[in-house]
């Protein structure tokens, strides 16, 4: 099958195929997420849509993203996603507000989120659920990659596992990425 489909086009039934890349399943039917050509793999019984043009990337589980912390709730950090690693120069098709639950911050107990993140921090995280846009910063290379002093808004410098303000000498804590301050995503 080489039909061109657009987002929302019906491709098939979930009784016949499994939804693959570029598709989603809803109420037993498989629909296109992107504009492209339909490809059916008869061996593993999957159907996917291959882009025919350079479309914006779509978030998927395992993607590494960069975003800005916009708010802290009791057990959730809200993040505006800006970019996907590997697609730094492209807007994201399904980017919206994402969330990091307190249990996905690090691999040890977190009592309070404001000791790990603050609004305006730039973070690197992994997508663990693309439908509800849930993120994780558990791995060592994930976490805050740039932070600002909560007193004077000066960019903080890393000193071992703490952050220090070069202006007012305030010491702060965060869930620091091992890439903090390097500019590496």
N, C-alpha and C. Protein backbone atom coordinates (compact mmCIF):
# COMPACT_ATOMS: atom_id res chain seq x y z
N UNK A 1 0.85 -1.17 0.00
CA UNK A 1 0.00 0.00 0.00
C UNK A 1 0.89 1.23 0.00
N UNK A 2 0.71 2.17 -0.92
CA UNK A 2 1.52 3.38 -0.98
C UNK A 2 0.64 4.62 -0.97
N UNK A 3 -0.51 4.55 -0.32
CA UNK A 3 -1.41 5.69 -0.24
C UNK A 3 -0.80 6.79 0.63
N UNK A 4 -1.02 8.03 0.22
CA UNK A 4 -0.61 9.18 1.04
C UNK A 4 -1.76 9.48 1.99
N UNK A 5 -1.42 9.63 3.27
CA UNK A 5 -2.42 9.94 4.29
C UNK A 5 -2.03 11.23 4.98
N UNK A 6 -3.00 11.87 5.61
CA UNK A 6 -2.77 13.07 6.41
C UNK A 6 -3.21 12.77 7.84
N UNK A 7 -2.77 13.59 8.81
CA UNK A 7 -3.17 13.33 10.19
C UNK A 7 -4.68 13.18 10.35
N UNK A 8 -5.08 12.12 11.05
CA UNK A 8 -6.49 11.84 11.29
C UNK A 8 -7.11 10.86 10.32
N UNK A 9 -6.41 10.55 9.20
CA UNK A 9 -6.93 9.57 8.24
C UNK A 9 -6.97 8.17 8.85
N UNK A 10 -8.05 7.45 8.59
CA UNK A 10 -8.18 6.07 9.03
C UNK A 10 -7.27 5.20 8.16
N UNK A 11 -6.44 4.37 8.82
CA UNK A 11 -5.51 3.50 8.10
C UNK A 11 -5.96 2.06 8.14
N UNK A 12 -6.47 1.62 9.28
CA UNK A 12 -6.87 0.22 9.41
C UNK A 12 -7.47 -0.05 10.77
N UNK A 13 -7.68 -1.34 11.03
CA UNK A 13 -8.27 -1.76 12.29
C UNK A 13 -7.21 -2.43 13.16
N UNK A 14 -7.33 -2.25 14.47
CA UNK A 14 -6.37 -2.86 15.38
C UNK A 14 -6.54 -4.38 15.45
N UNK A 15 -7.63 -4.91 14.88
CA UNK A 15 -7.80 -6.36 14.78
C UNK A 15 -6.84 -6.94 13.75
N UNK A 16 -6.50 -6.14 12.72
CA UNK A 16 -5.62 -6.58 11.65
C UNK A 16 -4.16 -6.26 11.92
N UNK A 17 -3.89 -5.05 12.45
CA UNK A 17 -2.53 -4.56 12.58
C UNK A 17 -2.28 -3.95 13.95
N UNK A 18 -1.00 -3.81 14.28
CA UNK A 18 -0.58 -3.06 15.45
C UNK A 18 -0.19 -1.67 14.98
N UNK A 19 -0.52 -0.65 15.75
CA UNK A 19 -0.18 0.73 15.40
C UNK A 19 1.33 0.91 15.55
N UNK A 20 1.98 1.38 14.50
CA UNK A 20 3.42 1.62 14.51
C UNK A 20 3.74 3.10 14.50
N UNK A 21 4.95 3.43 14.12
CA UNK A 21 5.43 4.80 14.06
C UNK A 21 4.55 5.64 13.14
N UNK A 22 4.23 6.85 13.59
CA UNK A 22 3.41 7.75 12.78
C UNK A 22 1.93 7.46 12.83
N UNK A 23 1.50 6.59 13.77
CA UNK A 23 0.09 6.23 13.89
C UNK A 23 -0.33 6.22 15.35
N UNK A 24 -1.64 6.15 15.57
CA UNK A 24 -2.15 5.92 16.92
C UNK A 24 -3.43 5.09 16.80
N UNK A 25 -3.75 4.39 17.89
CA UNK A 25 -4.93 3.52 17.91
C UNK A 25 -5.96 4.12 18.86
N UNK A 26 -7.20 4.16 18.38
CA UNK A 26 -8.28 4.66 19.21
C UNK A 26 -9.55 3.89 18.89
N UNK A 27 -10.15 3.27 19.90
CA UNK A 27 -11.40 2.52 19.77
C UNK A 27 -11.33 1.46 18.66
N UNK A 28 -10.21 0.77 18.59
CA UNK A 28 -10.08 -0.33 17.63
C UNK A 28 -9.72 0.10 16.23
N UNK A 29 -9.48 1.38 16.01
CA UNK A 29 -9.12 1.86 14.68
C UNK A 29 -7.75 2.53 14.74
N UNK A 30 -6.99 2.43 13.66
CA UNK A 30 -5.66 3.03 13.58
C UNK A 30 -5.71 4.24 12.65
N UNK A 31 -5.18 5.37 13.14
CA UNK A 31 -5.20 6.62 12.41
C UNK A 31 -3.78 7.15 12.20
N UNK A 32 -3.60 7.98 11.17
CA UNK A 32 -2.32 8.62 10.89
C UNK A 32 -2.09 9.79 11.84
N UNK A 33 -0.85 9.97 12.27
CA UNK A 33 -0.46 11.11 13.08
C UNK A 33 0.21 12.16 12.20
N UNK A 34 0.87 11.71 11.13
CA UNK A 34 1.62 12.60 10.25
C UNK A 34 1.21 12.40 8.80
N UNK A 35 1.61 13.32 7.94
CA UNK A 35 1.39 13.17 6.51
C UNK A 35 2.49 12.26 5.96
N UNK A 36 2.10 11.24 5.21
CA UNK A 36 3.11 10.33 4.67
C UNK A 36 2.51 9.15 3.95
N UNK A 37 3.40 8.19 3.65
CA UNK A 37 3.01 6.96 2.97
C UNK A 37 2.78 5.85 3.98
N UNK A 38 1.73 5.09 3.76
CA UNK A 38 1.41 3.97 4.63
C UNK A 38 2.31 2.79 4.26
N UNK A 39 2.91 2.17 5.28
CA UNK A 39 3.73 0.99 5.07
C UNK A 39 3.23 -0.11 5.99
N UNK A 40 2.96 -1.29 5.42
CA UNK A 40 2.47 -2.42 6.20
C UNK A 40 3.55 -3.50 6.23
N UNK A 41 3.87 -3.96 7.44
CA UNK A 41 4.82 -5.05 7.60
C UNK A 41 4.00 -6.30 7.89
N UNK A 42 3.94 -7.20 6.91
CA UNK A 42 3.10 -8.40 7.05
C UNK A 42 3.68 -9.40 8.05
N UNK A 43 5.00 -9.37 8.27
CA UNK A 43 5.63 -10.31 9.21
C UNK A 43 5.21 -10.04 10.65
N UNK A 44 5.38 -8.78 11.09
CA UNK A 44 5.01 -8.49 12.48
C UNK A 44 3.64 -7.81 12.59
N UNK A 45 2.94 -7.71 11.48
CA UNK A 45 1.57 -7.20 11.40
C UNK A 45 1.44 -5.79 11.97
N UNK A 46 2.41 -4.91 11.59
CA UNK A 46 2.34 -3.51 12.01
C UNK A 46 2.07 -2.63 10.80
N UNK A 47 1.48 -1.51 11.06
CA UNK A 47 1.25 -0.49 10.03
C UNK A 47 1.86 0.80 10.56
N UNK A 48 2.58 1.50 9.68
CA UNK A 48 3.18 2.77 10.09
C UNK A 48 3.07 3.77 8.95
N UNK A 49 3.30 5.03 9.29
CA UNK A 49 3.27 6.08 8.29
C UNK A 49 4.67 6.68 8.21
N UNK A 50 5.25 6.63 7.01
CA UNK A 50 6.58 7.21 6.77
C UNK A 50 6.40 8.61 6.21
N UNK A 51 7.04 9.61 6.80
CA UNK A 51 6.85 10.98 6.34
C UNK A 51 7.33 11.18 4.90
N UNK A 52 6.58 11.95 4.12
CA UNK A 52 6.98 12.26 2.75
C UNK A 52 7.60 13.64 2.67
N UNK A 53 7.54 14.36 3.77
CA UNK A 53 8.16 15.67 3.83
C UNK A 53 8.82 15.79 5.19
N UNK A 54 9.62 16.80 5.33
CA UNK A 54 10.33 17.00 6.58
C UNK A 54 9.38 17.60 7.62
N UNK A 55 8.67 16.73 8.31
CA UNK A 55 7.68 17.17 9.29
C UNK A 55 8.32 17.40 10.66
N UNK A 56 7.71 18.20 11.50
CA UNK A 56 8.26 18.38 12.85
C UNK A 56 8.31 17.06 13.60
N UNK A 57 9.34 16.87 14.41
CA UNK A 57 9.44 15.63 15.18
C UNK A 57 8.31 15.51 16.20
N UNK A 58 7.94 14.27 16.48
CA UNK A 58 6.90 13.96 17.46
C UNK A 58 7.57 13.27 18.65
N UNK A 59 7.24 13.70 19.86
CA UNK A 59 7.81 13.08 21.06
C UNK A 59 7.44 11.61 21.16
N UNK A 60 8.43 10.80 21.57
CA UNK A 60 8.16 9.39 21.82
C UNK A 60 8.97 8.94 23.04
N UNK A 61 8.59 7.83 23.61
CA UNK A 61 9.26 7.29 24.79
C UNK A 61 10.74 7.10 24.49
N UNK A 62 11.58 7.56 25.41
CA UNK A 62 13.02 7.43 25.25
C UNK A 62 13.70 8.69 24.72
N UNK A 63 12.93 9.62 24.16
CA UNK A 63 13.52 10.86 23.67
C UNK A 63 14.09 11.67 24.83
N UNK A 64 15.23 12.31 24.58
CA UNK A 64 15.81 13.24 25.55
C UNK A 64 15.37 14.63 25.13
N UNK A 65 14.80 15.38 26.08
CA UNK A 65 14.27 16.71 25.79
C UNK A 65 14.92 17.76 26.69
N UNK A 66 14.87 18.99 26.23
CA UNK A 66 15.33 20.13 27.02
C UNK A 66 14.12 21.04 27.22
N UNK A 67 13.97 21.53 28.43
CA UNK A 67 12.85 22.40 28.73
C UNK A 67 13.13 23.30 29.90
N UNK A 68 12.15 24.16 30.19
CA UNK A 68 12.26 25.11 31.30
C UNK A 68 11.21 24.78 32.35
N UNK A 69 11.65 24.73 33.61
CA UNK A 69 10.72 24.51 34.72
C UNK A 69 9.85 25.76 34.84
N UNK A 70 8.53 25.56 34.80
CA UNK A 70 7.63 26.71 34.90
C UNK A 70 6.89 26.77 36.23
N UNK A 71 6.76 25.62 36.91
CA UNK A 71 6.05 25.63 38.19
C UNK A 71 6.36 24.36 38.97
N UNK A 72 6.25 24.46 40.29
CA UNK A 72 6.40 23.32 41.19
C UNK A 72 5.10 23.17 41.96
N UNK A 73 4.55 21.96 41.94
CA UNK A 73 3.37 21.65 42.75
C UNK A 73 3.84 20.74 43.88
N UNK A 74 2.92 20.17 44.66
CA UNK A 74 3.30 19.31 45.78
C UNK A 74 4.19 18.15 45.35
N UNK A 75 3.78 17.42 44.32
CA UNK A 75 4.53 16.23 43.91
C UNK A 75 4.88 16.23 42.43
N UNK A 76 4.73 17.38 41.75
CA UNK A 76 4.95 17.44 40.31
C UNK A 76 5.69 18.72 39.92
N UNK A 77 6.64 18.56 39.00
CA UNK A 77 7.33 19.69 38.40
C UNK A 77 6.74 19.87 37.01
N UNK A 78 6.29 21.08 36.67
CA UNK A 78 5.76 21.36 35.33
C UNK A 78 6.85 21.96 34.47
N UNK A 79 6.97 21.44 33.23
CA UNK A 79 8.07 21.81 32.34
C UNK A 79 7.52 22.17 30.97
N UNK A 80 7.98 23.30 30.41
CA UNK A 80 7.72 23.64 29.02
C UNK A 80 8.83 23.02 28.19
N UNK A 81 8.49 22.09 27.31
CA UNK A 81 9.49 21.42 26.48
C UNK A 81 9.86 22.34 25.32
N UNK A 82 11.18 22.50 25.09
CA UNK A 82 11.66 23.37 24.02
C UNK A 82 12.19 22.58 22.83
N UNK A 83 12.98 21.55 23.08
CA UNK A 83 13.63 20.82 21.98
C UNK A 83 13.81 19.35 22.33
N UNK A 84 13.97 18.54 21.25
CA UNK A 84 14.30 17.12 21.38
C UNK A 84 15.75 16.96 20.96
N UNK A 85 16.52 16.17 21.70
CA UNK A 85 17.91 15.90 21.33
C UNK A 85 17.92 15.25 19.94
N UNK A 86 18.76 15.78 19.07
CA UNK A 86 18.83 15.29 17.69
C UNK A 86 18.02 16.12 16.73
N UNK A 87 17.09 16.91 17.26
CA UNK A 87 16.24 17.80 16.44
C UNK A 87 16.27 19.21 17.02
N UNK A 88 17.45 19.67 17.43
CA UNK A 88 17.57 20.93 18.14
C UNK A 88 17.07 22.13 17.35
N UNK A 89 17.10 22.05 16.02
CA UNK A 89 16.70 23.19 15.19
C UNK A 89 15.25 23.10 14.72
N UNK A 90 14.47 22.17 15.26
CA UNK A 90 13.10 21.96 14.82
C UNK A 90 12.12 22.16 15.96
N UNK A 91 10.96 22.74 15.63
CA UNK A 91 9.87 22.82 16.59
C UNK A 91 9.32 21.41 16.79
N UNK A 92 8.67 21.17 17.90
CA UNK A 92 8.13 19.85 18.22
C UNK A 92 6.64 19.85 17.94
N UNK A 93 6.16 18.81 17.25
CA UNK A 93 4.75 18.74 16.85
C UNK A 93 3.80 18.63 18.04
N UNK A 94 4.11 17.77 18.99
CA UNK A 94 3.19 17.52 20.10
C UNK A 94 3.73 18.03 21.44
N UNK A 95 4.58 19.06 21.39
CA UNK A 95 5.15 19.58 22.64
C UNK A 95 4.14 20.47 23.35
N UNK A 96 4.05 20.28 24.60
CA UNK A 96 3.16 21.05 25.44
C UNK A 96 3.79 21.04 26.81
N UNK A 97 3.02 21.26 27.82
CA UNK A 97 3.53 21.15 29.17
C UNK A 97 3.73 19.69 29.53
N UNK A 98 4.87 19.38 30.09
CA UNK A 98 5.16 18.03 30.54
C UNK A 98 5.29 18.06 32.07
N UNK A 99 5.32 16.88 32.66
CA UNK A 99 5.39 16.79 34.12
C UNK A 99 6.42 15.77 34.56
N UNK A 100 7.12 16.10 35.64
CA UNK A 100 8.03 15.15 36.30
C UNK A 100 7.44 14.89 37.67
N UNK A 101 7.02 13.66 37.90
CA UNK A 101 6.49 13.29 39.21
C UNK A 101 7.66 13.16 40.19
N UNK A 102 7.44 13.43 41.44
CA UNK A 102 8.47 13.39 42.47
C UNK A 102 9.20 12.04 42.50
N UNK A 103 8.51 10.96 42.14
CA UNK A 103 9.12 9.62 42.12
C UNK A 103 10.06 9.42 40.94
N UNK A 104 10.03 10.33 39.95
CA UNK A 104 10.88 10.22 38.76
C UNK A 104 11.98 11.27 38.72
N UNK A 105 12.27 11.89 39.87
CA UNK A 105 13.31 12.92 39.93
C UNK A 105 14.70 12.29 40.03
N UNK A 106 14.89 11.40 40.99
CA UNK A 106 16.17 10.70 41.14
C UNK A 106 15.94 9.36 41.79
N UNK A 107 17.00 8.55 41.86
CA UNK A 107 16.84 7.18 42.34
C UNK A 107 16.92 7.06 43.86
N UNK A 108 16.77 8.17 44.57
CA UNK A 108 16.71 8.15 46.02
C UNK A 108 15.51 8.99 46.46
N UNK A 109 15.23 8.96 47.73
CA UNK A 109 14.06 9.65 48.27
C UNK A 109 14.16 11.16 48.07
N UNK A 110 13.08 11.78 47.62
CA UNK A 110 13.00 13.23 47.47
C UNK A 110 11.90 13.73 48.42
N UNK A 111 12.29 14.51 49.41
CA UNK A 111 11.31 15.01 50.39
C UNK A 111 10.55 16.21 49.84
N UNK A 112 11.27 17.13 49.20
CA UNK A 112 10.66 18.36 48.69
C UNK A 112 11.22 18.66 47.30
N UNK A 113 10.34 19.00 46.39
CA UNK A 113 10.77 19.28 45.01
C UNK A 113 11.60 20.55 44.90
N UNK A 114 11.39 21.54 45.80
CA UNK A 114 12.14 22.78 45.67
C UNK A 114 13.61 22.66 46.06
N UNK A 115 14.03 21.48 46.55
CA UNK A 115 15.46 21.24 46.76
C UNK A 115 16.10 20.63 45.50
N UNK A 116 15.28 20.26 44.52
CA UNK A 116 15.76 19.62 43.30
C UNK A 116 15.61 20.51 42.07
N UNK A 117 14.58 21.36 42.05
CA UNK A 117 14.29 22.23 40.91
C UNK A 117 13.76 23.56 41.40
N UNK A 118 13.87 24.58 40.55
CA UNK A 118 13.26 25.88 40.81
C UNK A 118 12.72 26.41 39.49
N UNK A 119 11.68 27.25 39.54
CA UNK A 119 11.18 27.84 38.30
C UNK A 119 12.31 28.55 37.54
N UNK A 120 12.27 28.44 36.22
CA UNK A 120 13.23 29.00 35.28
C UNK A 120 14.49 28.15 35.09
N UNK A 121 14.66 27.06 35.87
CA UNK A 121 15.78 26.15 35.61
C UNK A 121 15.63 25.53 34.24
N UNK A 122 16.73 25.34 33.55
CA UNK A 122 16.74 24.64 32.27
C UNK A 122 17.14 23.21 32.59
N UNK A 123 16.32 22.26 32.12
CA UNK A 123 16.56 20.86 32.47
C UNK A 123 16.66 19.98 31.22
N UNK A 124 17.28 18.83 31.42
CA UNK A 124 17.34 17.78 30.41
C UNK A 124 16.65 16.57 31.04
N UNK A 125 15.69 15.99 30.31
CA UNK A 125 14.90 14.88 30.86
C UNK A 125 14.60 13.87 29.76
N UNK A 126 14.14 12.69 30.19
CA UNK A 126 13.77 11.62 29.26
C UNK A 126 12.26 11.45 29.27
N UNK A 127 11.67 11.29 28.08
CA UNK A 127 10.24 11.05 27.97
C UNK A 127 9.97 9.60 28.39
N UNK A 128 9.07 9.42 29.38
CA UNK A 128 8.72 8.06 29.82
C UNK A 128 7.29 7.71 29.45
N UNK A 129 6.50 8.71 29.05
CA UNK A 129 5.14 8.47 28.58
C UNK A 129 4.77 9.62 27.65
N UNK A 130 4.65 9.33 26.34
CA UNK A 130 4.39 10.41 25.38
C UNK A 130 2.94 10.86 25.37
N UNK A 131 2.01 10.02 25.81
CA UNK A 131 0.60 10.41 25.80
C UNK A 131 0.29 11.43 26.88
N UNK A 132 0.75 11.17 28.11
CA UNK A 132 0.50 12.11 29.20
C UNK A 132 1.68 13.06 29.42
N UNK A 133 2.68 12.99 28.54
CA UNK A 133 3.89 13.82 28.60
C UNK A 133 4.53 13.79 29.99
N UNK A 134 4.89 12.58 30.41
CA UNK A 134 5.61 12.40 31.67
C UNK A 134 7.10 12.26 31.39
N UNK A 135 7.90 12.91 32.23
CA UNK A 135 9.35 12.92 32.07
C UNK A 135 10.04 12.33 33.29
N UNK A 136 11.33 11.97 33.11
CA UNK A 136 12.15 11.47 34.20
C UNK A 136 13.52 12.13 34.15
N UNK A 137 14.10 12.38 35.33
CA UNK A 137 15.48 12.87 35.43
C UNK A 137 16.33 11.96 36.31
N UNK A 138 15.96 10.69 36.40
CA UNK A 138 16.63 9.76 37.30
C UNK A 138 18.09 9.50 36.90
N UNK A 139 18.37 9.39 35.61
CA UNK A 139 19.73 9.06 35.16
C UNK A 139 20.71 10.21 35.46
N UNK A 140 22.02 9.86 35.57
CA UNK A 140 23.04 10.84 35.96
C UNK A 140 23.17 12.01 34.99
N UNK A 141 22.98 11.75 33.68
CA UNK A 141 23.15 12.82 32.70
C UNK A 141 21.88 13.66 32.55
N UNK A 142 20.87 13.37 33.34
CA UNK A 142 19.60 14.12 33.28
C UNK A 142 19.46 14.98 34.53
N UNK A 143 18.73 16.06 34.39
CA UNK A 143 18.50 16.98 35.51
C UNK A 143 18.72 18.40 35.06
N UNK A 144 19.05 19.27 36.01
CA UNK A 144 19.25 20.69 35.73
C UNK A 144 20.57 20.88 34.98
N UNK A 145 20.50 21.59 33.84
CA UNK A 145 21.72 21.88 33.07
C UNK A 145 22.09 23.37 33.15
N UNK A 146 21.16 24.20 33.63
CA UNK A 146 21.44 25.61 33.89
C UNK A 146 20.45 26.09 34.94
N UNK A 147 20.98 26.78 35.96
CA UNK A 147 20.13 27.28 37.03
C UNK A 147 20.51 28.71 37.36
N UNK A 148 19.57 29.41 37.98
CA UNK A 148 19.76 30.81 38.34
C UNK A 148 19.56 30.99 39.84
N UNK A 149 20.31 31.88 40.42
CA UNK A 149 20.22 32.17 41.85
C UNK A 149 18.81 32.64 42.19
N UNK A 150 18.24 32.07 43.24
CA UNK A 150 16.89 32.46 43.62
C UNK A 150 16.85 33.84 44.28
N UNK A 151 18.01 34.35 44.68
CA UNK A 151 18.07 35.66 45.30
C UNK A 151 18.32 36.76 44.26
N UNK A 152 19.35 36.60 43.40
CA UNK A 152 19.73 37.69 42.50
C UNK A 152 19.62 37.34 41.01
N UNK A 153 19.19 36.12 40.66
CA UNK A 153 18.96 35.65 39.28
C UNK A 153 20.23 35.52 38.44
N UNK A 154 21.41 35.50 39.06
CA UNK A 154 22.67 35.29 38.36
C UNK A 154 22.80 33.80 38.06
N UNK A 155 23.33 33.42 36.88
CA UNK A 155 23.56 32.00 36.61
C UNK A 155 24.49 31.37 37.65
N UNK A 156 24.11 30.20 38.14
CA UNK A 156 24.87 29.52 39.18
C UNK A 156 26.01 28.70 38.59
N UNK A 157 27.11 28.60 39.34
CA UNK A 157 28.27 27.80 38.94
C UNK A 157 28.31 26.53 39.79
N UNK A 158 28.71 25.43 39.17
CA UNK A 158 28.76 24.14 39.87
C UNK A 158 30.02 24.04 40.72
N UNK A 159 29.83 23.65 41.97
CA UNK A 159 30.92 23.36 42.91
C UNK A 159 30.61 22.00 43.52
N UNK A 160 31.21 20.93 42.98
CA UNK A 160 30.90 19.54 43.34
C UNK A 160 29.41 19.28 43.11
N UNK A 161 28.67 18.92 44.16
CA UNK A 161 27.25 18.62 44.00
C UNK A 161 26.34 19.76 44.46
N UNK A 162 26.90 20.94 44.60
CA UNK A 162 26.13 22.13 44.97
C UNK A 162 26.32 23.18 43.87
N UNK A 163 25.49 24.20 43.93
CA UNK A 163 25.58 25.32 42.99
C UNK A 163 25.83 26.58 43.79
N UNK A 164 26.75 27.43 43.29
CA UNK A 164 27.11 28.64 44.00
C UNK A 164 26.91 29.85 43.10
N UNK A 165 26.37 30.91 43.69
CA UNK A 165 26.17 32.16 42.96
C UNK A 165 27.47 32.97 43.02
N UNK A 166 28.02 33.35 41.86
CA UNK A 166 29.25 34.14 41.86
C UNK A 166 29.03 35.58 42.34
N UNK A 167 27.79 36.06 42.35
CA UNK A 167 27.51 37.43 42.78
C UNK A 167 27.27 37.54 44.28
N UNK A 168 26.28 36.79 44.79
CA UNK A 168 25.93 36.92 46.21
C UNK A 168 26.43 35.76 47.07
N UNK A 169 27.14 34.80 46.45
CA UNK A 169 27.76 33.65 47.13
C UNK A 169 26.76 32.71 47.79
N UNK A 170 25.51 32.77 47.38
CA UNK A 170 24.47 31.87 47.90
C UNK A 170 24.75 30.45 47.39
N UNK A 171 24.57 29.44 48.24
CA UNK A 171 24.73 28.03 47.88
C UNK A 171 23.33 27.44 47.74
N UNK A 172 23.09 26.74 46.62
CA UNK A 172 21.78 26.12 46.38
C UNK A 172 21.97 24.67 45.95
N UNK A 173 20.91 23.89 46.12
CA UNK A 173 20.94 22.49 45.70
C UNK A 173 19.96 22.29 44.56
N UNK A 174 20.28 21.34 43.69
CA UNK A 174 19.41 20.95 42.59
C UNK A 174 19.70 19.49 42.26
N UNK A 175 18.84 18.89 41.44
CA UNK A 175 19.13 17.57 40.84
C UNK A 175 19.96 17.92 39.60
N UNK A 176 21.28 17.96 39.78
CA UNK A 176 22.20 18.44 38.76
C UNK A 176 22.53 17.34 37.76
N UNK A 177 22.46 17.68 36.47
CA UNK A 177 22.91 16.78 35.41
C UNK A 177 24.44 16.77 35.42
N UNK A 178 25.03 15.63 35.04
CA UNK A 178 26.50 15.61 34.94
C UNK A 178 26.98 16.53 33.82
N UNK A 179 26.06 16.99 32.96
CA UNK A 179 26.39 17.92 31.89
C UNK A 179 26.15 19.37 32.28
N UNK A 180 25.92 19.65 33.57
CA UNK A 180 25.60 21.01 34.01
C UNK A 180 26.68 21.99 33.57
N UNK A 181 26.26 23.07 32.94
CA UNK A 181 27.17 24.14 32.55
C UNK A 181 28.03 23.87 31.34
N UNK A 182 27.91 22.70 30.71
CA UNK A 182 28.76 22.38 29.57
C UNK A 182 28.15 22.81 28.25
N UNK A 183 26.83 23.01 28.23
CA UNK A 183 26.14 23.33 26.98
C UNK A 183 25.85 22.09 26.15
N UNK A 184 26.16 20.90 26.69
CA UNK A 184 25.91 19.64 25.99
C UNK A 184 24.50 19.16 26.32
N UNK A 185 23.78 18.79 25.28
CA UNK A 185 22.42 18.27 25.50
C UNK A 185 22.46 16.76 25.54
